Amino acid sequence: MSDAAAPSPAPCPICGKPRAPQFRPFCSKRCADVDLNRWLKGVYAVPVTETDDEDGEKVEDQPGRDRP
């Protein structure tokens, strides 16, 4: 059988350097802290489209939607 090369682990998602096991998936505490700060600031927020108001009722006037 041929020896298949093990896939190299993905680099640090912040700076691209090789990962360090103690800071997985990052290379250092600094990069882990940068990522945490991005989460706390809302940089990684997922955009949503609201279809219900705060009471759970359907919103009547939604721009861009055709009415029957």
N, C-alpha and C. Protein backbone atom coordinates (compact mmCIF):
# COMPACT_ATOMS: atom_id res chain seq x y z
N MET A 1 0.83 -1.18 0.00
CA MET A 1 0.00 0.00 0.00
C MET A 1 0.88 1.24 0.00
N SER A 2 0.39 2.30 -0.56
CA SER A 2 1.15 3.53 -0.56
C SER A 2 0.82 4.31 0.70
N ASP A 3 1.82 5.00 1.20
CA ASP A 3 1.61 5.83 2.39
C ASP A 3 0.97 7.14 1.95
N ALA A 4 -0.25 7.35 2.40
CA ALA A 4 -0.93 8.60 2.08
C ALA A 4 -0.46 9.66 3.06
N ALA A 5 -0.09 10.78 2.53
CA ALA A 5 0.35 11.87 3.41
C ALA A 5 -0.84 12.37 4.21
N ALA A 6 -0.64 12.52 5.50
CA ALA A 6 -1.71 13.03 6.36
C ALA A 6 -1.97 14.48 5.97
N PRO A 7 -3.23 14.86 5.89
CA PRO A 7 -3.51 16.25 5.55
C PRO A 7 -2.97 17.18 6.62
N SER A 8 -2.36 18.26 6.19
CA SER A 8 -1.82 19.20 7.16
C SER A 8 -2.99 19.95 7.81
N PRO A 9 -2.87 20.24 9.09
CA PRO A 9 -3.96 20.95 9.76
C PRO A 9 -4.11 22.35 9.17
N ALA A 10 -5.30 22.84 9.21
CA ALA A 10 -5.58 24.18 8.70
C ALA A 10 -4.82 25.21 9.52
N PRO A 11 -4.39 26.29 8.90
CA PRO A 11 -3.66 27.31 9.65
C PRO A 11 -4.58 28.10 10.58
N CYS A 12 -3.98 28.91 11.40
CA CYS A 12 -4.72 29.79 12.31
C CYS A 12 -5.68 30.65 11.48
N PRO A 13 -6.96 30.69 11.84
CA PRO A 13 -7.93 31.47 11.05
C PRO A 13 -7.73 32.99 11.15
N ILE A 14 -6.95 33.46 12.10
CA ILE A 14 -6.73 34.89 12.26
C ILE A 14 -5.51 35.36 11.48
N CYS A 15 -4.35 34.68 11.66
CA CYS A 15 -3.11 35.18 11.04
C CYS A 15 -2.51 34.24 10.01
N GLY A 16 -2.96 32.99 9.96
CA GLY A 16 -2.45 32.06 8.95
C GLY A 16 -1.23 31.26 9.37
N LYS A 17 -0.71 31.48 10.59
CA LYS A 17 0.44 30.72 11.07
C LYS A 17 -0.02 29.31 11.45
N PRO A 18 0.93 28.37 11.61
CA PRO A 18 0.55 27.01 12.04
C PRO A 18 -0.12 27.03 13.41
N ARG A 19 -1.06 26.13 13.60
CA ARG A 19 -1.79 26.05 14.87
C ARG A 19 -0.91 25.54 16.00
N ALA A 20 -1.23 25.94 17.22
CA ALA A 20 -0.59 25.42 18.43
C ALA A 20 -1.63 24.61 19.18
N PRO A 21 -1.27 23.38 19.58
CA PRO A 21 -2.26 22.51 20.24
C PRO A 21 -2.93 23.14 21.46
N GLN A 22 -2.21 23.90 22.26
CA GLN A 22 -2.80 24.47 23.47
C GLN A 22 -3.77 25.62 23.17
N PHE A 23 -3.73 26.18 21.96
CA PHE A 23 -4.63 27.29 21.60
C PHE A 23 -5.54 26.91 20.44
N ARG A 24 -5.68 25.63 20.16
CA ARG A 24 -6.46 25.13 19.03
C ARG A 24 -7.79 25.84 18.89
N PRO A 25 -8.23 26.34 17.79
CA PRO A 25 -7.64 26.25 16.45
C PRO A 25 -6.72 27.42 16.12
N PHE A 26 -6.26 28.14 17.12
CA PHE A 26 -5.43 29.32 16.89
C PHE A 26 -3.97 28.99 17.14
N CYS A 27 -3.08 29.94 16.82
CA CYS A 27 -1.65 29.73 17.01
C CYS A 27 -1.16 30.30 18.34
N SER A 28 -1.93 31.21 18.92
CA SER A 28 -1.50 31.86 20.16
C SER A 28 -2.70 32.40 20.93
N LYS A 29 -2.45 32.79 22.17
CA LYS A 29 -3.50 33.38 22.97
C LYS A 29 -3.96 34.70 22.36
N ARG A 30 -3.02 35.42 21.75
CA ARG A 30 -3.36 36.69 21.11
C ARG A 30 -4.41 36.49 20.02
N CYS A 31 -4.21 35.51 19.15
CA CYS A 31 -5.18 35.27 18.07
C CYS A 31 -6.52 34.79 18.63
N ALA A 32 -6.48 33.99 19.70
CA ALA A 32 -7.72 33.56 20.34
C ALA A 32 -8.48 34.77 20.91
N ASP A 33 -7.74 35.71 21.50
CA ASP A 33 -8.36 36.91 22.05
C ASP A 33 -8.91 37.82 20.95
N VAL A 34 -8.21 37.91 19.83
CA VAL A 34 -8.70 38.70 18.69
C VAL A 34 -10.03 38.12 18.21
N ASP A 35 -10.12 36.80 18.11
CA ASP A 35 -11.35 36.16 17.67
C ASP A 35 -12.48 36.39 18.68
N LEU A 36 -12.18 36.27 19.97
CA LEU A 36 -13.19 36.52 21.00
C LEU A 36 -13.70 37.95 20.91
N ASN A 37 -12.80 38.90 20.71
CA ASN A 37 -13.20 40.30 20.60
C ASN A 37 -14.12 40.50 19.39
N ARG A 38 -13.83 39.82 18.29
CA ARG A 38 -14.69 39.94 17.11
C ARG A 38 -16.09 39.41 17.40
N TRP A 39 -16.18 38.31 18.14
CA TRP A 39 -17.50 37.78 18.51
C TRP A 39 -18.24 38.76 19.40
N LEU A 40 -17.54 39.32 20.40
CA LEU A 40 -18.18 40.22 21.35
C LEU A 40 -18.63 41.53 20.71
N LYS A 41 -17.91 42.00 19.70
CA LYS A 41 -18.28 43.22 18.99
C LYS A 41 -19.39 43.00 17.97
N GLY A 42 -19.68 41.74 17.64
CA GLY A 42 -20.73 41.45 16.67
C GLY A 42 -20.25 41.40 15.24
N VAL A 43 -18.93 41.31 15.03
CA VAL A 43 -18.39 41.23 13.67
C VAL A 43 -18.89 39.97 12.99
N TYR A 44 -19.08 38.89 13.73
CA TYR A 44 -19.51 37.62 13.18
C TYR A 44 -21.03 37.45 13.22
N ALA A 45 -21.78 38.52 13.31
CA ALA A 45 -23.23 38.44 13.40
C ALA A 45 -23.83 37.86 12.12
N VAL A 46 -24.87 37.07 12.28
CA VAL A 46 -25.58 36.48 11.15
C VAL A 46 -26.75 37.39 10.79
N PRO A 47 -26.83 37.84 9.53
CA PRO A 47 -27.94 38.72 9.15
C PRO A 47 -29.26 37.95 9.14
N VAL A 48 -30.31 38.59 9.61
CA VAL A 48 -31.63 37.96 9.64
C VAL A 48 -32.65 38.91 9.03
N THR A 49 -33.74 38.33 8.57
CA THR A 49 -34.88 39.10 8.09
C THR A 49 -36.03 38.80 9.03
N GLU A 50 -36.52 39.82 9.67
CA GLU A 50 -37.60 39.64 10.63
C GLU A 50 -38.93 39.52 9.90
N THR A 51 -39.68 38.47 10.19
CA THR A 51 -41.01 38.31 9.61
C THR A 51 -42.09 38.44 10.68
N ASP A 52 -41.70 38.40 11.93
CA ASP A 52 -42.64 38.57 13.04
C ASP A 52 -42.20 39.77 13.86
N ASP A 53 -43.18 40.46 14.45
CA ASP A 53 -42.81 41.55 15.34
C ASP A 53 -42.49 40.97 16.72
N GLU A 54 -42.28 41.81 17.70
CA GLU A 54 -41.88 41.36 19.03
C GLU A 54 -42.94 40.51 19.71
N ASP A 55 -44.23 40.69 19.34
CA ASP A 55 -45.31 39.92 19.95
C ASP A 55 -45.57 38.60 19.24
N GLY A 56 -44.83 38.32 18.17
CA GLY A 56 -45.03 37.09 17.44
C GLY A 56 -46.06 37.20 16.33
N GLU A 57 -46.59 38.41 16.10
CA GLU A 57 -47.57 38.61 15.04
C GLU A 57 -46.85 38.94 13.75
N LYS A 58 -47.47 38.60 12.63
CA LYS A 58 -46.88 38.89 11.33
C LYS A 58 -46.81 40.40 11.12
N VAL A 59 -45.71 40.84 10.52
CA VAL A 59 -45.54 42.25 10.21
C VAL A 59 -46.34 42.54 8.95
N GLU A 60 -47.18 43.58 9.00
CA GLU A 60 -48.10 43.89 7.90
C GLU A 60 -47.39 44.50 6.70
N ASP A 61 -46.54 45.49 6.91
CA ASP A 61 -45.95 46.23 5.81
C ASP A 61 -44.48 45.87 5.69
N GLN A 62 -44.16 44.94 4.79
CA GLN A 62 -42.78 44.55 4.56
C GLN A 62 -42.36 45.02 3.19
N PRO A 63 -41.36 45.88 3.12
CA PRO A 63 -40.92 46.35 1.82
C PRO A 63 -40.34 45.20 0.98
N GLY A 64 -40.63 45.24 -0.31
CA GLY A 64 -40.09 44.23 -1.20
C GLY A 64 -40.92 42.97 -1.32
N ARG A 65 -42.01 42.88 -0.61
CA ARG A 65 -42.85 41.68 -0.70
C ARG A 65 -44.14 42.03 -1.41
N ASP A 66 -44.53 41.18 -2.33
CA ASP A 66 -45.78 41.40 -3.06
C ASP A 66 -46.95 40.96 -2.22
N ARG A 67 -48.02 41.74 -2.28
CA ARG A 67 -49.23 41.37 -1.56
C ARG A 67 -50.19 40.68 -2.50
N PRO A 68 -50.92 39.69 -2.01
CA PRO A 68 -51.89 38.99 -2.88
C PRO A 68 -53.09 39.84 -3.23
